[in-house]
PDB file of N, CA and C in Angstrom:
ATOM      1  N   MET A   1      -0.016 -36.986  49.804  1.00  0.00           N
ATOM      2  CA  MET A   1      -0.061 -36.856  48.449  1.00  0.00           C
ATOM      3  C   MET A   1      -0.665 -38.096  47.797  1.00  0.00           C
ATOM      4  N   ASP A   2      -1.377 -38.650  48.311  1.00  0.00           N
ATOM      5  CA  ASP A   2      -2.123 -39.836  47.717  1.00  0.00           C
ATOM      6  C   ASP A   2      -3.037 -39.637  46.658  1.00  0.00           C
ATOM      7  N   GLY A   3      -2.696 -40.765  45.675  1.00  0.00           N
ATOM      8  CA  GLY A   3      -3.352 -40.494  44.211  1.00  0.00           C
ATOM      9  C   GLY A   3      -2.565 -39.638  43.232  1.00  0.00           C
ATOM     10  N   MET A   4      -1.714 -38.755  43.798  1.00  0.00           N
ATOM     11  CA  MET A   4      -0.819 -38.051  42.714  1.00  0.00           C
ATOM     12  C   MET A   4       0.370 -38.857  42.097  1.00  0.00           C
ATOM     13  N   SER A   5       0.421 -38.419  40.750  1.00  0.00           N
ATOM     14  CA  SER A   5       1.415 -39.117  39.928  1.00  0.00           C
ATOM     15  C   SER A   5       2.648 -38.453  39.862  1.00  0.00           C
ATOM     16  N   ILE A   6       3.738 -38.983  39.986  1.00  0.00           N
ATOM     17  CA  ILE A   6       5.189 -38.197  39.525  1.00  0.00           C
ATOM     18  C   ILE A   6       5.870 -38.693  38.354  1.00  0.00           C
ATOM     19  N   LEU A   7       5.663 -37.677  37.507  1.00  0.00           N
ATOM     20  CA  LEU A   7       6.417 -38.030  36.200  1.00  0.00           C
ATOM     21  C   LEU A   7       7.695 -37.305  35.937  1.00  0.00           C
ATOM     22  N   PRO A   8       8.785 -38.145  36.003  1.00  0.00           N
ATOM     23  CA  PRO A   8      10.162 -37.242  35.502  1.00  0.00           C
ATOM     24  C   PRO A   8      10.474 -36.945  34.372  1.00  0.00           C
ATOM     25  N   ALA A   9      10.994 -35.580  33.999  1.00  0.00           N
ATOM     26  CA  ALA A   9      10.940 -35.420  32.555  1.00  0.00           C
ATOM     27  C   ALA A   9      12.211 -34.285  32.607  1.00  0.00           C
ATOM     28  N   ALA A  10      12.876 -34.166  31.564  1.00  0.00           N
ATOM     29  CA  ALA A  10      13.850 -33.137  31.275  1.00  0.00           C
ATOM     30  C   ALA A  10      13.405 -31.830  30.627  1.00  0.00           C
ATOM     31  N   ALA A  11      13.430 -30.910  31.223  1.00  0.00           N
ATOM     32  CA  ALA A  11      13.298 -29.684  30.437  1.00  0.00           C
ATOM     33  C   ALA A  11      14.730 -29.304  29.474  1.00  0.00           C
ATOM     34  N   ASP A  12      15.795 -29.554  29.996  1.00  0.00           N
ATOM     35  CA  ASP A  12      17.057 -29.559  29.116  1.00  0.00           C
ATOM     36  C   ASP A  12      18.066 -30.456  29.816  1.00  0.00           C
ATOM     37  N   GLU A  13      18.996 -30.290  29.166  1.00  0.00           N
ATOM     38  CA  GLU A  13      20.061 -31.254  29.535  1.00  0.00           C
ATOM     39  C   GLU A  13      20.618 -30.965  31.246  1.00  0.00           C
ATOM     40  N   ASP A  14      20.277 -29.456  31.642  1.00  0.00           N
ATOM     41  CA  ASP A  14      21.028 -29.195  32.528  1.00  0.00           C
ATOM     42  C   ASP A  14      20.163 -29.138  33.837  1.00  0.00           C
ATOM     43  N   ALA A  15      18.635 -28.943  33.628  1.00  0.00           N
ATOM     44  CA  ALA A  15      17.726 -28.784  34.522  1.00  0.00           C
ATOM     45  C   ALA A  15      16.414 -29.746  34.462  1.00  0.00           C
ATOM     46  N   PRO A  16      16.847 -30.779  35.551  1.00  0.00           N
ATOM     47  CA  PRO A  16      15.755 -32.021  35.060  1.00  0.00           C
ATOM     48  C   PRO A  16      14.327 -31.249  36.013  1.00  0.00           C
ATOM     49  N   VAL A  17      13.326 -31.923  35.443  1.00  0.00           N
ATOM     50  CA  VAL A  17      12.075 -31.320  36.026  1.00  0.00           C
ATOM     51  C   VAL A  17      10.904 -32.325  36.276  1.00  0.00           C
ATOM     52  N   THR A  18      10.392 -32.571  37.230  1.00  0.00           N
ATOM     53  CA  THR A  18       9.685 -33.573  37.539  1.00  0.00           C
ATOM     54  C   THR A  18       8.089 -32.912  37.843  1.00  0.00           C
ATOM     55  N   THR A  19       7.261 -33.416  37.075  1.00  0.00           N
ATOM     56  CA  THR A  19       5.806 -33.384  37.074  1.00  0.00           C
ATOM     57  C   THR A  19       4.802 -33.930  38.091  1.00  0.00           C
ATOM     58  N   LEU A  20       4.308 -33.376  39.013  1.00  0.00           N
ATOM     59  CA  LEU A  20       3.308 -34.066  39.909  1.00  0.00           C
ATOM     60  C   LEU A  20       2.046 -33.763  39.407  1.00  0.00           C
ATOM     61  N   GLU A  21       1.140 -34.560  39.290  1.00  0.00           N
ATOM     62  CA  GLU A  21      -0.322 -34.016  38.757  1.00  0.00           C
ATOM     63  C   GLU A  21      -1.169 -35.238  39.243  1.00  0.00           C
ATOM     64  N   GLY A  22      -2.529 -34.881  39.529  1.00  0.00           N
ATOM     65  CA  GLY A  22      -3.390 -35.501  40.030  1.00  0.00           C
ATOM     66  C   GLY A  22      -4.682 -34.785  40.490  1.00  0.00           C
ATOM     67  N   GLU A  23      -5.825 -35.478  41.068  1.00  0.00           N
ATOM     68  CA  GLU A  23      -7.043 -34.708  41.260  1.00  0.00           C
ATOM     69  C   GLU A  23      -7.118 -34.321  42.811  1.00  0.00           C
ATOM     70  N   LEU A  24      -7.265 -33.200  43.003  1.00  0.00           N
ATOM     71  CA  LEU A  24      -7.440 -32.819  44.303  1.00  0.00           C
ATOM     72  C   LEU A  24      -9.097 -32.332  44.881  1.00  0.00           C
ATOM     73  N   ALA A  25      -9.324 -32.639  45.944  1.00  0.00           N
ATOM     74  CA  ALA A  25     -10.704 -32.505  46.281  1.00  0.00           C
ATOM     75  C   ALA A  25     -10.922 -30.912  46.284  1.00  0.00           C
ATOM     76  N   ASP A  26     -10.261 -30.254  46.857  1.00  0.00           N
ATOM     77  CA  ASP A  26     -10.480 -28.427  46.920  1.00  0.00           C
ATOM     78  C   ASP A  26      -9.220 -28.062  47.320  1.00  0.00           C
ATOM     79  N   GLN A  27      -9.208 -26.745  47.545  1.00  0.00           N
ATOM     80  CA  GLN A  27      -8.084 -25.839  47.545  1.00  0.00           C
ATOM     81  C   GLN A  27      -7.448 -26.071  48.798  1.00  0.00           C
ATOM     82  N   ALA A  28      -8.054 -26.403  49.839  1.00  0.00           N
ATOM     83  CA  ALA A  28      -7.393 -27.116  51.160  1.00  0.00           C
ATOM     84  C   ALA A  28      -6.314 -28.133  50.797  1.00  0.00           C
ATOM     85  N   ALA A  29      -6.903 -29.111  49.984  1.00  0.00           N
ATOM     86  CA  ALA A  29      -5.981 -30.165  49.558  1.00  0.00           C
ATOM     87  C   ALA A  29      -4.744 -29.871  48.746  1.00  0.00           C
ATOM     88  N   LEU A  30      -4.885 -28.570  47.999  1.00  0.00           N
ATOM     89  CA  LEU A  30      -3.864 -28.305  46.908  1.00  0.00           C
ATOM     90  C   LEU A  30      -2.851 -27.817  48.107  1.00  0.00           C
ATOM     91  N   THR A  31      -3.382 -26.874  49.024  1.00  0.00           N
ATOM     92  CA  THR A  31      -2.635 -26.174  50.132  1.00  0.00           C
ATOM     93  C   THR A  31      -1.479 -26.995  50.696  1.00  0.00           C
ATOM     94  N   GLY A  32      -1.998 -28.403  50.843  1.00  0.00           N
ATOM     95  CA  GLY A  32      -1.533 -29.317  51.759  1.00  0.00           C
ATOM     96  C   GLY A  32      -0.541 -29.750  50.999  1.00  0.00           C
ATOM     97  N   VAL A  33      -0.686 -30.126  49.566  1.00  0.00           N
ATOM     98  CA  VAL A  33       0.626 -30.673  48.822  1.00  0.00           C
ATOM     99  C   VAL A  33       1.325 -29.446  48.486  1.00  0.00           C
ATOM    100  N   ILE A  34       1.145 -28.328  48.376  1.00  0.00           N
ATOM    101  CA  ILE A  34       2.249 -27.048  48.084  1.00  0.00           C
ATOM    102  C   ILE A  34       2.975 -26.922  49.486  1.00  0.00           C
ATOM    103  N   ASN A  35       2.163 -27.315  50.527  1.00  0.00           N
ATOM    104  CA  ASN A  35       3.188 -27.097  52.019  1.00  0.00           C
ATOM    105  C   ASN A  35       4.094 -28.327  52.008  1.00  0.00           C
ATOM    106  N   THR A  36       3.590 -29.540  51.697  1.00  0.00           N
ATOM    107  CA  THR A  36       4.511 -30.734  51.767  1.00  0.00           C
ATOM    108  C   THR A  36       5.701 -30.522  50.728  1.00  0.00           C
ATOM    109  N   LEU A  37       5.374 -30.028  49.815  1.00  0.00           N
ATOM    110  CA  LEU A  37       6.747 -29.591  48.708  1.00  0.00           C
ATOM    111  C   LEU A  37       7.735 -28.558  49.440  1.00  0.00           C
ATOM    112  N   TYR A  38       6.945 -27.517  50.213  1.00  0.00           N
ATOM    113  CA  TYR A  38       7.849 -26.574  50.521  1.00  0.00           C
ATOM    114  C   TYR A  38       8.883 -26.957  51.735  1.00  0.00           C
ATOM    115  N   GLU A  39       8.060 -28.198  52.880  1.00  0.00           N
ATOM    116  CA  GLU A  39       8.959 -28.780  53.732  1.00  0.00           C
ATOM    117  C   GLU A  39       9.861 -29.442  53.276  1.00  0.00           C
ATOM    118  N   LEU A  40       9.589 -29.989  51.927  1.00  0.00           N
ATOM    119  CA  LEU A  40      10.866 -30.926  51.313  1.00  0.00           C
ATOM    120  C   LEU A  40      11.908 -30.171  50.685  1.00  0.00           C
ATOM    121  N   HIS A  41      11.594 -28.940  50.832  1.00  0.00           N
ATOM    122  CA  HIS A  41      12.641 -27.770  49.850  1.00  0.00           C
ATOM    123  C   HIS A  41      12.797 -27.910  48.569  1.00  0.00           C
ATOM    124  N   LEU A  42      11.432 -28.435  47.936  1.00  0.00           N
ATOM    125  CA  LEU A  42      11.383 -28.629  46.453  1.00  0.00           C
ATOM    126  C   LEU A  42      10.822 -27.367  46.002  1.00  0.00           C
ATOM    127  N   PRO A  43      11.358 -26.934  44.911  1.00  0.00           N
ATOM    128  CA  PRO A  43      10.865 -25.463  44.165  1.00  0.00           C
ATOM    129  C   PRO A  43       9.722 -25.901  43.401  1.00  0.00           C
ATOM    130  N   ILE A  44       8.624 -25.094  43.290  1.00  0.00           N
ATOM    131  CA  ILE A  44       7.526 -25.164  42.402  1.00  0.00           C
ATOM    132  C   ILE A  44       7.661 -24.396  41.275  1.00  0.00           C
ATOM    133  N   LEU A  45       7.694 -24.624  40.221  1.00  0.00           N
ATOM    134  CA  LEU A  45       7.833 -23.945  38.871  1.00  0.00           C
ATOM    135  C   LEU A  45       6.545 -23.499  38.378  1.00  0.00           C
ATOM    136  N   LEU A  46       5.527 -24.302  38.488  1.00  0.00           N
ATOM    137  CA  LEU A  46       4.132 -23.819  38.013  1.00  0.00           C
ATOM    138  C   LEU A  46       3.231 -24.597  38.556  1.00  0.00           C
ATOM    139  N   VAL A  47       2.033 -23.849  38.835  1.00  0.00           N
ATOM    140  CA  VAL A  47       0.922 -24.656  39.118  1.00  0.00           C
ATOM    141  C   VAL A  47      -0.387 -24.438  38.181  1.00  0.00           C
ATOM    142  N   LYS A  48      -0.919 -25.502  37.442  1.00  0.00           N
ATOM    143  CA  LYS A  48      -1.638 -25.225  36.532  1.00  0.00           C
ATOM    144  C   LYS A  48      -2.966 -26.229  36.530  1.00  0.00           C
ATOM    145  N   ARG A  49      -3.789 -25.436  36.402  1.00  0.00           N
ATOM    146  CA  ARG A  49      -5.431 -26.469  36.650  1.00  0.00           C
ATOM    147  C   ARG A  49      -5.671 -26.834  34.986  1.00  0.00           C
ATOM    148  N   VAL A  50      -6.156 -28.159  35.374  1.00  0.00           N
ATOM    149  CA  VAL A  50      -6.529 -28.727  33.924  1.00  0.00           C
ATOM    150  C   VAL A  50      -7.832 -29.404  33.975  1.00  0.00           C
ATOM    151  N   CYS A  51      -8.688 -29.282  33.444  1.00  0.00           N
ATOM    152  CA  CYS A  51     -10.195 -29.548  33.163  1.00  0.00           C
ATOM    153  C   CYS A  51      -9.947 -31.043  33.193  1.00  0.00           C
ATOM    154  N   ILE A  52     -11.060 -31.718  33.790  1.00  0.00           N
ATOM    155  CA  ILE A  52     -10.851 -33.214  33.629  1.00  0.00           C
ATOM    156  C   ILE A  52     -11.021 -33.937  32.359  1.00  0.00           C
ATOM    157  N   ASN A  53     -11.604 -33.230  31.522  1.00  0.00           N
ATOM    158  CA  ASN A  53     -11.912 -33.842  30.130  1.00  0.00           C
ATOM    159  C   ASN A  53     -10.570 -33.423  29.345  1.00  0.00           C
ATOM    160  N   GLN A  54      -9.590 -32.786  29.616  1.00  0.00           N
ATOM    161  CA  GLN A  54      -8.695 -32.179  28.790  1.00  0.00           C
ATOM    162  C   GLN A  54      -7.347 -32.912  29.233  1.00  0.00           C
ATOM    163  N   GLU A  55      -6.579 -33.506  28.160  1.00  0.00           N
ATOM    164  CA  GLU A  55      -5.286 -34.243  28.624  1.00  0.00           C
ATOM    165  C   GLU A  55      -4.498 -33.108  29.253  1.00  0.00           C
ATOM    166  N   ALA A  56      -3.631 -33.677  30.260  1.00  0.00           N
ATOM    167  CA  ALA A  56      -2.818 -33.245  31.246  1.00  0.00           C
ATOM    168  C   ALA A  56      -1.283 -33.326  30.933  1.00  0.00           C
ATOM    169  N   GLU A  57      -1.024 -32.592  29.805  1.00  0.00           N
ATOM    170  CA  GLU A  57       0.317 -32.739  28.875  1.00  0.00           C
ATOM    171  C   GLU A  57       0.947 -31.531  29.501  1.00  0.00           C
ATOM    172  N   PHE A  58       2.226 -31.736  29.982  1.00  0.00           N
ATOM    173  CA  PHE A  58       2.959 -30.671  30.429  1.00  0.00           C
ATOM    174  C   PHE A  58       4.353 -30.437  29.831  1.00  0.00           C
ATOM    175  N   ASP A  59       4.624 -29.268  28.923  1.00  0.00           N
ATOM    176  CA  ASP A  59       6.095 -29.276  28.538  1.00  0.00           C
ATOM    177  C   ASP A  59       6.688 -27.965  29.143  1.00  0.00           C
ATOM    178  N   PRO A  60       7.593 -28.414  29.803  1.00  0.00           N
ATOM    179  CA  PRO A  60       8.507 -26.833  30.454  1.00  0.00           C
ATOM    180  C   PRO A  60       8.921 -25.984  29.731  1.00  0.00           C
ATOM    181  N   ARG A  61       8.956 -26.381  28.407  1.00  0.00           N
ATOM    182  CA  ARG A  61       9.667 -25.379  27.333  1.00  0.00           C
ATOM    183  C   ARG A  61       8.286 -24.349  26.967  1.00  0.00           C
ATOM    184  N   GLU A  62       7.047 -24.708  27.333  1.00  0.00           N
ATOM    185  CA  GLU A  62       5.809 -24.162  26.609  1.00  0.00           C
ATOM    186  C   GLU A  62       5.197 -23.231  27.963  1.00  0.00           C
ATOM    187  N   THR A  63       5.902 -22.789  29.112  1.00  0.00           N
ATOM    188  CA  THR A  63       5.238 -22.132  30.150  1.00  0.00           C
ATOM    189  C   THR A  63       5.125 -20.387  29.984  1.00  0.00           C
ATOM    190  N   ASP A  64       4.318 -19.768  30.335  1.00  0.00           N
ATOM    191  CA  ASP A  64       3.859 -18.467  30.099  1.00  0.00           C
ATOM    192  C   ASP A  64       4.826 -17.686  31.240  1.00  0.00           C
ATOM    193  N   THR A  65       5.722 -17.064  30.642  1.00  0.00           N
ATOM    194  CA  THR A  65       6.655 -16.024  31.764  1.00  0.00           C
ATOM    195  C   THR A  65       6.096 -14.472  31.921  1.00  0.00           C
ATOM    196  N   ASP A  66       4.888 -14.528  31.695  1.00  0.00           N
ATOM    197  CA  ASP A  66       4.204 -13.089  31.908  1.00  0.00           C
ATOM    198  C   ASP A  66       4.173 -12.777  33.499  1.00  0.00           C
TER     199      ASP A  66
END
């Protein structure tokens, strides 16, 4: 998970949320990161693609639940 940033945040007082963000080369690299998190028994709440020129700001209270 070279080059990935880990940003701790709190969604609310009971459930801490950590954001992992960074640029990946391709879908195979994304699969590798997801597999690593799975092997560590860490739940994945959301995977979001963000364009390079767009700010990658994540607010766990504003996720789509569709």
